[in-house]
Amino acid sequence: MHGSRRGVREDIQFQTGGRMRKGVWTLLLVLACLTLASAQTTRDAKHVVPTGKGWGVESTTAPPVDPYSVTQGNGINYHGGPVMAGNPVNVYFIWYGNWTNGPRPSDSQVTVGLLESLFGSGGIGGSGYEKINTTYGDNTNNVSGNIARVSSTTDNYSHGTRLSDSGVQAVVSSAISSGRLPKDTNGVYFVLTSSDVRETSGFCTQYCGWHTRGTISGADIKYSFVGNPDRCPSACEMQTVSPNGDSGADGMANVMAHESEETASDPDLNAWYDSSGAENADKCAWKFGPTTGGIGNGAYNETFGNHNWLIQMNWENARGGGCDQRLGGTFYTR
């Protein structure tokens, strides 16, 4: 999850995959330390697993002990679950709420166009950034490092302006069962909410986005929630003066990248995470590396789909492990 600047929850991280400013960031670090300390005191009985929302919880299920034919020992470990090895992993958008003329300027078709270009042809899929995820695999395949939007649909407030976690799943279920989107076990379904929608389990206070999975129409479906961060820019946006002149789109792009990285490498929350329950993008949340321009003045560090973006780094599972902007690049600590 993509945590609020840095916060928590799955992906975003917020990538998460999965997940608020300095106050919440500090609190979350304290909570993570307390969780880890507790796990260490009871390690014979429990281990810490991810929630998809950027923090770990203790599990009474013993961790796997069989050896795995995957690369480990780079600050993050494999726990036996599958990765998403599709080439590409398919992406579906559900634009929930008012994305035509909503309460904030970024609740618009401009935002829709920007984010669909990010995951479209020439976008993030197959890039050096996305290829960082190829360092993650299971006993069968590695993540391909390719991701692409297949189709999108809309949802006109079917659950009102207050969405619970179960409500998010219901939105995905409705889109699939109605035939508006296909049922795809190699897909990630993003529920993208306009700024007037509140996700009641902690959007803007505990996280900026998250990812998880559920059984929908008899299939294992992976999905993610990402809200318009213009609802709470101090919590979920690194800068309000953004490279595309659309703070909502630019903020969402960062969180969506986070969650997509985590979903591909840890789709069922039982594959890749560290001893504190942090997934790959959680380990690099709100860390961007070198940028063109200063943060707060439209800084960017990536160019995808003919647009510049400020996208957090991802954890590379190689060379000892670290956060970088592209596969094989320099590791940076912030």
Foldseek 3Di string as FASTA:
>chain_A
DQWWCHFFAAFLVHPQLATHNPVRVVVRVVVLVVQLVVCVVVVVQWFWFAPQHGFTHIDRDHFDDDDFPAFDQQQKFWGADFFQADQAQEEEEEEEAQLPDDPDPLSHVVLVVVVLLQQAPQHQAPDLQLCLQQSFGGRPHGHPSGYHYDYYYYHHQPPHQEAEPVNVVVSVLCCDVVPVDDDDQSYEYEYEYELSHHHPVACLHRRQKGKAWDQHPNHTYIYMYGYQCVNPCSTQFQACQAQVNRRRSQSRNQSVNRRVSSCRRQVHRRTMGHRRNGHFRVQFNPAQPDWDDDGHNHTFDDAGSNTGHRYTFTWRSDPSIATDRGPPDDHDDD
